[in-house]
Each structure stands twice: as C-alpha cells, then as structure tokens.
Amino acid sequence: MGINQRWFVWIILLLCVAAIPVGLMSKSDRSDASDTGEDGSDFLTSRMKYKDRIQVIRLTGMIIDKGDGGLLSKAGTSTVCIKQLRKAAKDEHIKGVLLRINSPGGTVPTSQEITQAVTVLRDAGKPVYVSMSDLAASGGYYVASASDKIFAQPGTITGSIGVIMSLMNFKTLGDKVGVNSVVIKSGPFKDMASPWRAMTEGEQKVLQALIDDSYDQFVNAIAKGRRMKVDDVKKIADGRIYSGRQAKKIGLVDELGGYDDALDALQETCKKKYALKDRLPVDDKSSESLIASLLESSAGTNLFSTSPSHLNAGLLDDPEATLSQLLLSKFHKQPLWMMQ
C-alpha cells in the first residue's frame, strides 16, 4: 500500500470517529429543541425520569421477536417496545402511556407478549391510550385492543383480524428439473408442509386446527379488550381491512383523531385521575442506539452525503444497517483494499 493510500485510509477513519460525537450532539440539539411545548415537556432526559410524566412508546414495523439487538436495536421495534412497557409499569413517575402504533402485524406469540405488557400496565392503574398511525392491522390491532382507548385517523388502515399461514410447494418444479427429496423422520408429521411433496389431508387438518386455535385466541382477546361479545367480533373478523372511519362505526376504534388528539385526551384523563392542575410533561424521545443515532445524524449533517440520495435513505430505513454498510455504499468505487 502506498503512502498516499495509507493517508487516505487514516483520513476516512478519523472522519468516522469524528462523526460519532458530532452526530450525537446534533441529535441532542434536535431533541432539546423539541422539549419545550405547551404540554410542559421542558425537562432534559436526565431530569425527566425523576418527574411525573406521560410516556410515549412506539411500536413500528413487523411484530416479531428479533432478540436483543444491542447497539443495533432501534426504538419502535417489538423487543424495545416490550421492554419500555414493562419498565413503564414499574416506574412510579410514569402516570400514563401513549402507545403509537404503525404496524402491519406479525407473529401471534410476540403480539400476545406485547398485549400482555399493555394489560400489566393497565392493571397497575396507569391509563394506556393508543394512537394509530398509517397502519395498525392484524397483530397491530391485537395489541391496540388491550388499551383503554383507541384513536385513529379516518384514513388509517386497521382490522385484518385473522391468522394466515402461507406455504409454497416446488414439487412440480422439482419433477421437471430432476430434484428428488429424501426424508428420514421419526413420525408422520415431522416433515409436515415440506415444499417438495404434496400435502396430505391429515397434514392439512393439523395445520388448519393450529390456525383455528390461534384465530380463536385472537378473537377472544379482542372481545375482552373491547368489551364485545365473541360472536359480534367474529362477524367482523374475517380478515378484511377497515379504514379508521369504518372501524369506528363497528366499534373497533373509539375516536377519530391523530397523535395530538390522543395525547390531549390522555392528559385530561390523567388530570382527573391524579387530581392535577397542570398538564403532565411528555417524554417522547426515541431511545435509539449509538449506531442508529449516528446513521440518522449523518444524514442530517451530510457528513457522508453522496449521490444518488436514495443510497443513503435505503440504509437509514434499515434499523439493522451498520456503519460498515454505510461506508461500503459510500466508497464502493474505491480499490478493493478499502473494503478489507
């Protein structure tokens, strides 16, 4: 490696190191600027946790357990949402929770785990209001149904109450190209849903029973949360989606409105419940990881700006994007030694 190349590598490394404090400072500045408002949320994060407050928790994207992402974890994911809900239930300073949902759904177990965390919050005597964003369907609605009150915009997409299992079968393709699957199993159902052979009638019955049982759990959870009869829920739980306005007419949503409307209603509930004169401060800071903060701030400060711009946006939309991926996209035209 030549002298000029070594200097170039060192310059890039120094830029990466410099981006961390600069990124965090810019993110802090944006957060501090948004702290002051009519709702009294003019406390710094370090002081906020010692004050009575309303906590905003977000549930965004697919509802699925990805485990503890550590540095790569990002606010809004299912894992982070569960942790925040559990923490809120134990924190005596959190007087109410606004759960902001923007999710198409996900797996049944993780939806149930988040729903249970919401129920624990309510059992602790803390009001939980839901504000639906663009989408709160299937598992997203499963979670919302456990709250005290649901707000949705008229155009919000919700509903999709049901369970689905989608499988693919490659038997015909395998026969054409000469692929033959050999399976050694301990029981008749061990390779159930194999894509290399036709499904038997017995296997289909087993899977259908699984779907029906999960659907029954879903319906009963909604009936309990929304205080509806099971038969009434089943009439509207055929998998179809509803607009927020349609959902309100059939009892799946309480009020039409957005984030501010839900927050105002929660403030009034807390004022009555705790005999307060003033509105509570609101903690709506996303607890993003160091790397997530760095990637977001780098877009705002143009430390790694490049063309085309969609290259950067694609990485920032991915909560698991790493710094190495970002650098790879920026320097993909450099010699191969840059990628080592």
Foldseek 3Di string as FASTA:
>chain_A
DDPVVVVVLVVVVVLVVVLLVVLVVVVQVVVQVPQDDQLRSNDDPVCVLVAQFEEEAEAEEEQDDPDDPVLLDWGNHLVNRLVVLQVLQVRPSHQEYEYEYDYAYYDLVSLVSLLVSQLSSVVSVHAYEYFYDQEQEASSLLNRLQGPAYEYAQARKYAQQFDDDDAAACQVVCVVVVNDDDDDDDDPCPCARPNNDDHDPVSVVVVVVVRVVSSLVSLVSNCVSQVHDSVLSVVRRPRDMHGSNRCCVSRSHPYYDGDVVRQVVSQVVSCVVVVNDHGGRYDDDIPHHSFLSSLVSCLVVVSLDDPPRVLSVVQNVDSNRGPLNSVCSSCVVPDPVSND
